[in-house]
Amino acid sequence: MSSWLNKLERRLEPFAIPNITLYIVIAQTFVLLTVLLQAIDLNQLVLVPALVQAGQIWRVFTFIVIPPGFGIFAAFALYLFYLYGNALEQYFGVVRYNMFLLSGYLLTVILAFISPSAMATNLFLGGAVFLAFAFLNPDFTLHLFFILPVKIKWLALITWVFYGLTFITGGATERLGVLAATGNFLLFFGKDVSQRLKTGQRRVQERAKRDRQRGETVAPMHTCSVCGRDSDNDTDVGFRYHTEGDKEVCYCEDHLPTKTD
């Protein structure tokens, strides 16, 4: 990570929150229950920059605690978010993981104001956490809905494809959300991604070189100029050379010339 991020990490250390993923999950669960009980209007929590500019400042913060859905899907999504976030905190450390979430949050908010009338969500912020976990643990096996086993690297690949299609075909809000998620991921993992690509390219080149070397055949020491038999395949056959002009010509014992030059 670059030096300025290291400096920022040291400055933010006194404010870092351990187990921040757990607190976000608890907050989203609380909001989920209050919405189901019709005690709160979810529309009052979403981030709409135009409404923030009109004085509804709380929206800048409350959109983070909007749950990822309802029913069994929400429970599964919250479980996965806690799983991914807790693993990232152990990998990064408390301070750097807080920075990862903070940078994703700031990118989402800042880019949202480019399209003030549109509604921004925390969907892509959660997506950045997922992509980071998958990058660090590509062979982790996830049981979708606790049943279907699948390598997380394939789900990450699908997510990248989805983000690409969303950026190409989506509206302004979706495109900005994709930029926020991918920008946050690349901010922390861009150097590692580049290194992996270079390493993978070198491995491909080395493998191709080895394949070429294995495919190359060494010419036999002796090959009859008449019938083509050689000393590698016909080890019991004798071979002789005769000078013909300025060349040494090889013959097997069955095709020796009757007269030498």
C-alpha atoms as a PDB file:
ATOM      1  CA  MET A   1       0.000   0.000   0.000  1.00  0.00           C
ATOM      2  CA  SER A   2       1.250   3.509  -0.748  1.00  0.00           C
ATOM      3  CA  SER A   3       2.959   5.633   1.894  1.00  0.00           C
ATOM      4  CA  TRP A   4       0.130   8.150   2.165  1.00  0.00           C
ATOM      5  CA  LEU A   5      -2.276   5.383   3.108  1.00  0.00           C
ATOM      6  CA  ASN A   6       0.176   4.188   5.745  1.00  0.00           C
ATOM      7  CA  LYS A   7       0.309   7.710   7.166  1.00  0.00           C
ATOM      8  CA  LEU A   8      -3.487   7.901   7.134  1.00  0.00           C
ATOM      9  CA  GLU A   9      -3.627   4.560   8.917  1.00  0.00           C
ATOM     10  CA  ARG A  10      -1.505   5.872  11.764  1.00  0.00           C
ATOM     11  CA  ARG A  11      -3.695   8.967  12.116  1.00  0.00           C
ATOM     12  CA  LEU A  12      -6.918   6.953  12.160  1.00  0.00           C
ATOM     13  CA  GLU A  13      -5.668   4.345  14.616  1.00  0.00           C
ATOM     14  CA  PRO A  14      -7.195   6.031  17.712  1.00  0.00           C
ATOM     15  CA  PHE A  15     -10.604   6.077  16.012  1.00  0.00           C
ATOM     16  CA  ALA A  16     -10.653   2.523  14.636  1.00  0.00           C
ATOM     17  CA  ILE A  17     -13.604   0.351  15.672  1.00  0.00           C
ATOM     18  CA  PRO A  18     -12.929  -3.345  16.320  1.00  0.00           C
ATOM     19  CA  ASN A  19     -15.592  -5.785  15.094  1.00  0.00           C
ATOM     20  CA  ILE A  20     -17.157  -3.051  13.006  1.00  0.00           C
ATOM     21  CA  THR A  21     -18.720  -5.639  10.700  1.00  0.00           C
ATOM     22  CA  LEU A  22     -20.704  -7.057  13.609  1.00  0.00           C
ATOM     23  CA  TYR A  23     -22.059  -3.607  14.474  1.00  0.00           C
ATOM     24  CA  ILE A  24     -23.124  -3.009  10.873  1.00  0.00           C
ATOM     25  CA  VAL A  25     -24.874  -6.383  10.756  1.00  0.00           C
ATOM     26  CA  ILE A  26     -26.671  -5.656  14.051  1.00  0.00           C
ATOM     27  CA  ALA A  27     -27.768  -2.238  12.767  1.00  0.00           C
ATOM     28  CA  GLN A  28     -29.033  -3.689   9.480  1.00  0.00           C
ATOM     29  CA  THR A  29     -30.873  -6.456  11.347  1.00  0.00           C
ATOM     30  CA  PHE A  30     -32.522  -3.850  13.584  1.00  0.00           C
ATOM     31  CA  VAL A  31     -33.617  -1.822  10.557  1.00  0.00           C
ATOM     32  CA  LEU A  32     -34.881  -4.998   8.881  1.00  0.00           C
ATOM     33  CA  LEU A  33     -37.067  -5.834  11.886  1.00  0.00           C
ATOM     34  CA  THR A  34     -38.406  -2.296  12.226  1.00  0.00           C
ATOM     35  CA  VAL A  35     -39.320  -2.207   8.545  1.00  0.00           C
ATOM     36  CA  LEU A  36     -41.103  -5.556   8.842  1.00  0.00           C
ATOM     37  CA  LEU A  37     -42.998  -4.198  11.838  1.00  0.00           C
ATOM     38  CA  GLN A  38     -43.793  -1.089   9.792  1.00  0.00           C
ATOM     39  CA  ALA A  39     -42.204   1.055  12.484  1.00  0.00           C
ATOM     40  CA  ILE A  40     -39.992   2.878  10.007  1.00  0.00           C
ATOM     41  CA  ASP A  41     -40.189   3.923   6.379  1.00  0.00           C
ATOM     42  CA  LEU A  42     -37.192   2.607   4.461  1.00  0.00           C
ATOM     43  CA  ASN A  43     -37.496   5.481   2.009  1.00  0.00           C
ATOM     44  CA  GLN A  44     -36.432   7.827   4.794  1.00  0.00           C
ATOM     45  CA  LEU A  45     -33.057   6.103   5.051  1.00  0.00           C
ATOM     46  CA  VAL A  46     -31.846   5.822   1.464  1.00  0.00           C
ATOM     47  CA  LEU A  47     -29.208   8.178   0.102  1.00  0.00           C
ATOM     48  CA  VAL A  48     -30.694  10.729  -2.284  1.00  0.00           C
ATOM     49  CA  PRO A  49     -28.173  13.572  -2.661  1.00  0.00           C
ATOM     50  CA  ALA A  50     -30.833  16.097  -3.683  1.00  0.00           C
ATOM     51  CA  LEU A  51     -32.693  15.472  -0.427  1.00  0.00           C
ATOM     52  CA  VAL A  52     -29.434  15.729   1.519  1.00  0.00           C
ATOM     53  CA  GLN A  53     -28.850  19.110  -0.083  1.00  0.00           C
ATOM     54  CA  ALA A  54     -32.379  20.030   0.989  1.00  0.00           C
ATOM     55  CA  GLY A  55     -31.484  19.423   4.640  1.00  0.00           C
ATOM     56  CA  GLN A  56     -31.992  15.669   5.221  1.00  0.00           C
ATOM     57  CA  ILE A  57     -28.387  15.173   6.287  1.00  0.00           C
ATOM     58  CA  TRP A  58     -29.059  11.868   8.056  1.00  0.00           C
ATOM     59  CA  ARG A  59     -29.381  10.090   4.728  1.00  0.00           C
ATOM     60  CA  VAL A  60     -25.610  10.332   4.248  1.00  0.00           C
ATOM     61  CA  PHE A  61     -25.243   7.924   7.169  1.00  0.00           C
ATOM     62  CA  THR A  62     -28.440   5.880   7.337  1.00  0.00           C
ATOM     63  CA  PHE A  63     -28.109   4.293   3.898  1.00  0.00           C
ATOM     64  CA  ILE A  64     -25.290   2.166   5.329  1.00  0.00           C
ATOM     65  CA  VAL A  65     -27.698   0.332   7.658  1.00  0.00           C
ATOM     66  CA  ILE A  66     -30.270  -0.529   5.001  1.00  0.00           C
ATOM     67  CA  PRO A  67     -30.537  -4.366   4.947  1.00  0.00           C
ATOM     68  CA  PRO A  68     -29.608  -6.285   1.776  1.00  0.00           C
ATOM     69  CA  GLY A  69     -33.147  -7.587   1.324  1.00  0.00           C
ATOM     70  CA  PHE A  70     -35.850  -9.346   3.262  1.00  0.00           C
ATOM     71  CA  GLY A  71     -36.688 -12.875   4.350  1.00  0.00           C
ATOM     72  CA  ILE A  72     -34.246 -15.781   4.146  1.00  0.00           C
ATOM     73  CA  PHE A  73     -32.166 -13.986   1.525  1.00  0.00           C
ATOM     74  CA  ALA A  74     -31.463 -11.136   3.933  1.00  0.00           C
ATOM     75  CA  ALA A  75     -30.423 -13.535   6.691  1.00  0.00           C
ATOM     76  CA  PHE A  76     -28.056 -15.348   4.336  1.00  0.00           C
ATOM     77  CA  ALA A  77     -26.615 -12.090   2.975  1.00  0.00           C
ATOM     78  CA  LEU A  78     -26.011 -10.718   6.471  1.00  0.00           C
ATOM     79  CA  TYR A  79     -24.296 -13.933   7.494  1.00  0.00           C
ATOM     80  CA  LEU A  80     -21.984 -13.752   4.471  1.00  0.00           C
ATOM     81  CA  PHE A  81     -21.209 -10.086   5.044  1.00  0.00           C
ATOM     82  CA  TYR A  82     -20.185 -10.863   8.610  1.00  0.00           C
ATOM     83  CA  LEU A  83     -18.101 -13.824   7.413  1.00  0.00           C
ATOM     84  CA  TYR A  84     -16.291 -11.780   4.753  1.00  0.00           C
ATOM     85  CA  GLY A  85     -15.830  -8.701   6.913  1.00  0.00           C
ATOM     86  CA  ASN A  86     -14.517 -10.600   9.905  1.00  0.00           C
ATOM     87  CA  ALA A  87     -11.977 -12.411   7.689  1.00  0.00           C
ATOM     88  CA  LEU A  88     -10.844  -9.119   6.144  1.00  0.00           C
ATOM     89  CA  GLU A  89     -10.402  -7.547   9.565  1.00  0.00           C
ATOM     90  CA  GLN A  90      -8.159 -10.440  10.575  1.00  0.00           C
ATOM     91  CA  TYR A  91      -6.159 -10.036   7.351  1.00  0.00           C
ATOM     92  CA  PHE A  92      -5.881  -6.234   7.333  1.00  0.00           C
ATOM     93  CA  GLY A  93      -5.974  -5.520  11.023  1.00  0.00           C
ATOM     94  CA  VAL A  94      -8.598  -3.327  12.669  1.00  0.00           C
ATOM     95  CA  VAL A  95      -7.325   0.033  11.429  1.00  0.00           C
ATOM     96  CA  ARG A  96      -6.772  -0.890   7.803  1.00  0.00           C
ATOM     97  CA  TYR A  97     -10.089  -2.724   7.557  1.00  0.00           C
ATOM     98  CA  ASN A  98     -11.815   0.383   8.920  1.00  0.00           C
ATOM     99  CA  MET A  99     -10.002   2.347   6.233  1.00  0.00           C
ATOM    100  CA  PHE A 100     -11.220  -0.104   3.595  1.00  0.00           C
ATOM    101  CA  LEU A 101     -14.839   0.401   4.645  1.00  0.00           C
ATOM    102  CA  LEU A 102     -14.372   4.142   5.045  1.00  0.00           C
ATOM    103  CA  SER A 103     -12.878   4.605   1.580  1.00  0.00           C
ATOM    104  CA  GLY A 104     -15.712   2.588   0.033  1.00  0.00           C
ATOM    105  CA  TYR A 105     -18.253   4.658   1.940  1.00  0.00           C
ATOM    106  CA  LEU A 106     -16.659   7.961   0.908  1.00  0.00           C
ATOM    107  CA  LEU A 107     -16.390   6.926  -2.732  1.00  0.00           C
ATOM    108  CA  THR A 108     -20.050   5.909  -2.743  1.00  0.00           C
ATOM    109  CA  VAL A 109     -21.200   9.199  -1.204  1.00  0.00           C
ATOM    110  CA  ILE A 110     -18.958  11.424  -3.324  1.00  0.00           C
ATOM    111  CA  LEU A 111     -19.862   9.736  -6.599  1.00  0.00           C
ATOM    112  CA  ALA A 112     -23.561   9.734  -5.662  1.00  0.00           C
ATOM    113  CA  PHE A 113     -23.569  13.528  -5.691  1.00  0.00           C
ATOM    114  CA  ILE A 114     -22.657  13.486  -9.375  1.00  0.00           C
ATOM    115  CA  SER A 115     -26.250  12.384  -9.974  1.00  0.00           C
ATOM    116  CA  PRO A 116     -28.102  14.152  -7.130  1.00  0.00           C
ATOM    117  CA  SER A 117     -31.633  13.076  -7.984  1.00  0.00           C
ATOM    118  CA  ALA A 118     -30.816   9.375  -8.109  1.00  0.00           C
ATOM    119  CA  MET A 119     -30.927   6.970  -5.175  1.00  0.00           C
ATOM    120  CA  ALA A 120     -27.652   5.397  -4.029  1.00  0.00           C
ATOM    121  CA  THR A 121     -27.424   2.111  -2.131  1.00  0.00           C
ATOM    122  CA  ASN A 122     -24.834   0.195  -0.124  1.00  0.00           C
ATOM    123  CA  LEU A 123     -25.056  -2.785  -2.517  1.00  0.00           C
ATOM    124  CA  PHE A 124     -21.754  -2.088  -4.247  1.00  0.00           C
ATOM    125  CA  LEU A 125     -20.005  -1.301  -0.954  1.00  0.00           C
ATOM    126  CA  GLY A 126     -20.887  -4.799   0.211  1.00  0.00           C
ATOM    127  CA  GLY A 127     -19.739  -6.066  -3.173  1.00  0.00           C
ATOM    128  CA  ALA A 128     -16.281  -4.602  -2.585  1.00  0.00           C
ATOM    129  CA  VAL A 129     -16.020  -6.558   0.681  1.00  0.00           C
ATOM    130  CA  PHE A 130     -17.017  -9.731  -1.170  1.00  0.00           C
ATOM    131  CA  LEU A 131     -14.483  -9.180  -3.981  1.00  0.00           C
ATOM    132  CA  ALA A 132     -11.713  -8.502  -1.464  1.00  0.00           C
ATOM    133  CA  PHE A 133     -12.478 -11.720   0.423  1.00  0.00           C
ATOM    134  CA  ALA A 134     -12.640 -13.730  -2.804  1.00  0.00           C
ATOM    135  CA  PHE A 135      -9.326 -12.282  -3.976  1.00  0.00           C
ATOM    136  CA  LEU A 136      -7.633 -13.356  -0.761  1.00  0.00           C
ATOM    137  CA  ASN A 137      -9.386 -16.735  -0.533  1.00  0.00           C
ATOM    138  CA  PRO A 138     -10.092 -17.854  -4.138  1.00  0.00           C
ATOM    139  CA  ASP A 139     -10.469 -21.540  -3.244  1.00  0.00           C
ATOM    140  CA  PHE A 140     -12.847 -20.968  -0.346  1.00  0.00           C
ATOM    141  CA  THR A 141     -15.905 -23.187  -0.810  1.00  0.00           C
ATOM    142  CA  LEU A 142     -19.182 -21.434  -0.197  1.00  0.00           C
ATOM    143  CA  HIS A 143     -22.396 -23.399   0.295  1.00  0.00           C
ATOM    144  CA  LEU A 144     -25.054 -21.313  -1.406  1.00  0.00           C
ATOM    145  CA  PHE A 145     -28.052 -21.163   0.909  1.00  0.00           C
ATOM    146  CA  PHE A 146     -26.135 -23.701   3.016  1.00  0.00           C
ATOM    147  CA  ILE A 147     -26.644 -26.380   0.340  1.00  0.00           C
ATOM    148  CA  LEU A 148     -24.843 -25.952  -2.990  1.00  0.00           C
ATOM    149  CA  PRO A 149     -21.002 -25.973  -2.753  1.00  0.00           C
ATOM    150  CA  VAL A 150     -19.161 -23.635  -5.117  1.00  0.00           C
ATOM    151  CA  LYS A 151     -15.676 -22.120  -5.224  1.00  0.00           C
ATOM    152  CA  ILE A 152     -15.896 -18.455  -4.349  1.00  0.00           C
ATOM    153  CA  LYS A 153     -13.527 -17.492  -7.186  1.00  0.00           C
ATOM    154  CA  TRP A 154     -16.241 -18.431  -9.695  1.00  0.00           C
ATOM    155  CA  LEU A 155     -18.790 -16.286  -7.883  1.00  0.00           C
ATOM    156  CA  ALA A 156     -16.271 -13.436  -7.918  1.00  0.00           C
ATOM    157  CA  LEU A 157     -15.804 -13.889 -11.662  1.00  0.00           C
ATOM    158  CA  ILE A 158     -19.572 -13.707 -12.147  1.00  0.00           C
ATOM    159  CA  THR A 159     -19.634 -10.569 -10.008  1.00  0.00           C
ATOM    160  CA  TRP A 160     -16.932  -8.910 -12.120  1.00  0.00           C
ATOM    161  CA  VAL A 161     -18.846  -9.781 -15.285  1.00  0.00           C
ATOM    162  CA  PHE A 162     -22.026  -8.402 -13.717  1.00  0.00           C
ATOM    163  CA  TYR A 163     -20.249  -5.193 -12.777  1.00  0.00           C
ATOM    164  CA  GLY A 164     -18.899  -4.863 -16.294  1.00  0.00           C
ATOM    165  CA  LEU A 165     -22.328  -5.334 -17.857  1.00  0.00           C
ATOM    166  CA  THR A 166     -23.856  -2.967 -15.328  1.00  0.00           C
ATOM    167  CA  PHE A 167     -21.302  -0.305 -16.149  1.00  0.00           C
ATOM    168  CA  ILE A 168     -21.972  -0.694 -19.871  1.00  0.00           C
ATOM    169  CA  THR A 169     -25.754  -0.951 -19.831  1.00  0.00           C
ATOM    170  CA  GLY A 170     -26.804   0.561 -16.488  1.00  0.00           C
ATOM    171  CA  GLY A 171     -27.885   4.050 -15.635  1.00  0.00           C
ATOM    172  CA  ALA A 172     -25.785   6.769 -14.051  1.00  0.00           C
ATOM    173  CA  THR A 173     -26.449   5.569 -10.495  1.00  0.00           C
ATOM    174  CA  GLU A 174     -25.437   1.980 -11.242  1.00  0.00           C
ATOM    175  CA  ARG A 175     -22.300   3.074 -13.082  1.00  0.00           C
ATOM    176  CA  LEU A 176     -21.223   5.289 -10.212  1.00  0.00           C
ATOM    177  CA  GLY A 177     -21.859   2.450  -7.766  1.00  0.00           C
ATOM    178  CA  VAL A 178     -19.659   0.131  -9.828  1.00  0.00           C
ATOM    179  CA  LEU A 179     -16.912   2.754  -9.930  1.00  0.00           C
ATOM    180  CA  ALA A 180     -17.093   3.152  -6.166  1.00  0.00           C
ATOM    181  CA  ALA A 181     -16.852  -0.609  -5.526  1.00  0.00           C
ATOM    182  CA  THR A 182     -14.121  -1.357  -8.049  1.00  0.00           C
ATOM    183  CA  GLY A 183     -12.224   1.805  -7.176  1.00  0.00           C
ATOM    184  CA  ASN A 184     -12.196   0.846  -3.519  1.00  0.00           C
ATOM    185  CA  PHE A 185     -11.037  -2.682  -4.351  1.00  0.00           C
ATOM    186  CA  LEU A 186      -8.248  -1.473  -6.648  1.00  0.00           C
ATOM    187  CA  LEU A 187      -7.127   1.122  -4.120  1.00  0.00           C
ATOM    188  CA  PHE A 188      -6.219  -1.659  -1.706  1.00  0.00           C
ATOM    189  CA  PHE A 189      -5.482  -4.545  -4.071  1.00  0.00           C
ATOM    190  CA  GLY A 190      -4.428  -2.944  -7.352  1.00  0.00           C
ATOM    191  CA  LYS A 191      -0.729  -3.617  -6.758  1.00  0.00           C
ATOM    192  CA  ASP A 192      -1.419  -7.243  -5.810  1.00  0.00           C
ATOM    193  CA  VAL A 193      -3.626  -7.740  -8.880  1.00  0.00           C
ATOM    194  CA  SER A 194      -0.879  -6.362 -11.124  1.00  0.00           C
ATOM    195  CA  GLN A 195       1.701  -8.635  -9.487  1.00  0.00           C
ATOM    196  CA  ARG A 196      -0.516 -11.693  -9.928  1.00  0.00           C
ATOM    197  CA  LEU A 197      -1.078 -10.885 -13.579  1.00  0.00           C
ATOM    198  CA  LYS A 198       2.667 -10.535 -14.161  1.00  0.00           C
ATOM    199  CA  THR A 199       3.350 -13.781 -12.295  1.00  0.00           C
ATOM    200  CA  GLY A 200       0.659 -15.583 -14.267  1.00  0.00           C
ATOM    201  CA  GLN A 201       2.082 -14.263 -17.540  1.00  0.00           C
ATOM    202  CA  ARG A 202       5.560 -15.495 -16.609  1.00  0.00           C
ATOM    203  CA  ARG A 203       4.178 -18.915 -15.715  1.00  0.00           C
ATOM    204  CA  VAL A 204       2.387 -19.158 -19.062  1.00  0.00           C
ATOM    205  CA  GLN A 205       5.582 -18.195 -20.895  1.00  0.00           C
ATOM    206  CA  GLU A 206       7.654 -20.704 -18.917  1.00  0.00           C
ATOM    207  CA  ARG A 207       5.108 -23.462 -19.519  1.00  0.00           C
ATOM    208  CA  ALA A 208       5.063 -22.703 -23.248  1.00  0.00           C
ATOM    209  CA  LYS A 209       8.878 -22.808 -23.286  1.00  0.00           C
ATOM    210  CA  ARG A 210       8.910 -26.183 -21.539  1.00  0.00           C
ATOM    211  CA  ASP A 211       6.307 -27.518 -23.962  1.00  0.00           C
ATOM    212  CA  ARG A 212       8.393 -26.374 -26.910  1.00  0.00           C
ATOM    213  CA  GLN A 213      11.475 -28.010 -25.443  1.00  0.00           C
ATOM    214  CA  ARG A 214       9.619 -31.259 -24.874  1.00  0.00           C
ATOM    215  CA  GLY A 215       8.252 -31.110 -28.398  1.00  0.00           C
ATOM    216  CA  GLU A 216      11.662 -30.687 -29.981  1.00  0.00           C
ATOM    217  CA  THR A 217      13.187 -33.974 -31.169  1.00  0.00           C
ATOM    218  CA  VAL A 218      16.912 -34.651 -31.264  1.00  0.00           C
ATOM    219  CA  ALA A 219      18.060 -35.875 -34.635  1.00  0.00           C
ATOM    220  CA  PRO A 220      19.455 -39.449 -34.644  1.00  0.00           C
ATOM    221  CA  MET A 221      23.237 -39.763 -34.813  1.00  0.00           C
ATOM    222  CA  HIS A 222      23.052 -41.854 -38.019  1.00  0.00           C
ATOM    223  CA  THR A 223      20.355 -41.908 -40.703  1.00  0.00           C
ATOM    224  CA  CYS A 224      20.560 -43.886 -43.913  1.00  0.00           C
ATOM    225  CA  SER A 225      20.342 -41.615 -46.931  1.00  0.00           C
ATOM    226  CA  VAL A 226      18.622 -44.369 -48.935  1.00  0.00           C
ATOM    227  CA  CYS A 227      15.977 -46.011 -46.724  1.00  0.00           C
ATOM    228  CA  GLY A 228      15.788 -43.563 -43.844  1.00  0.00           C
ATOM    229  CA  ARG A 229      16.549 -46.039 -41.095  1.00  0.00           C
ATOM    230  CA  ASP A 230      18.309 -44.429 -38.159  1.00  0.00           C
ATOM    231  CA  SER A 231      20.482 -45.418 -35.231  1.00  0.00           C
ATOM    232  CA  ASP A 232      17.781 -44.567 -32.671  1.00  0.00           C
ATOM    233  CA  ASN A 233      15.112 -46.939 -33.998  1.00  0.00           C
ATOM    234  CA  ASP A 234      17.371 -49.607 -35.560  1.00  0.00           C
ATOM    235  CA  THR A 235      20.027 -50.157 -32.960  1.00  0.00           C
ATOM    236  CA  ASP A 236      21.184 -53.480 -34.474  1.00  0.00           C
ATOM    237  CA  VAL A 237      21.916 -51.983 -37.867  1.00  0.00           C
ATOM    238  CA  GLY A 238      25.389 -50.783 -38.770  1.00  0.00           C
ATOM    239  CA  PHE A 239      25.971 -47.466 -40.507  1.00  0.00           C
ATOM    240  CA  ARG A 240      28.865 -46.264 -42.645  1.00  0.00           C
ATOM    241  CA  TYR A 241      29.852 -42.976 -44.187  1.00  0.00           C
ATOM    242  CA  HIS A 242      31.253 -42.411 -47.667  1.00  0.00           C
ATOM    243  CA  THR A 243      32.747 -39.279 -49.058  1.00  0.00           C
ATOM    244  CA  GLU A 244      30.853 -38.150 -52.103  1.00  0.00           C
ATOM    245  CA  GLY A 245      32.181 -34.937 -53.441  1.00  0.00           C
ATOM    246  CA  ASP A 246      32.542 -32.594 -50.485  1.00  0.00           C
ATOM    247  CA  LYS A 247      29.945 -34.360 -48.328  1.00  0.00           C
ATOM    248  CA  GLU A 248      29.912 -37.303 -45.941  1.00  0.00           C
ATOM    249  CA  VAL A 249      26.915 -39.472 -46.865  1.00  0.00           C
ATOM    250  CA  CYS A 250      25.504 -42.059 -44.424  1.00  0.00           C
ATOM    251  CA  TYR A 251      24.404 -45.543 -45.508  1.00  0.00           C
ATOM    252  CA  CYS A 252      22.999 -48.446 -43.550  1.00  0.00           C
ATOM    253  CA  GLU A 253      24.683 -51.823 -43.958  1.00  0.00           C
ATOM    254  CA  ASP A 254      21.989 -52.964 -46.395  1.00  0.00           C
ATOM    255  CA  HIS A 255      22.513 -50.043 -48.761  1.00  0.00           C
ATOM    256  CA  LEU A 256      26.249 -49.619 -48.751  1.00  0.00           C
ATOM    257  CA  PRO A 257      27.428 -48.488 -52.197  1.00  0.00           C
ATOM    258  CA  THR A 258      29.349 -51.084 -54.118  1.00  0.00           C
ATOM    259  CA  LYS A 259      31.863 -48.539 -55.177  1.00  0.00           C
ATOM    260  CA  THR A 260      33.242 -45.663 -53.238  1.00  0.00           C
ATOM    261  CA  ASP A 261      34.378 -42.439 -54.727  1.00  0.00           C
END
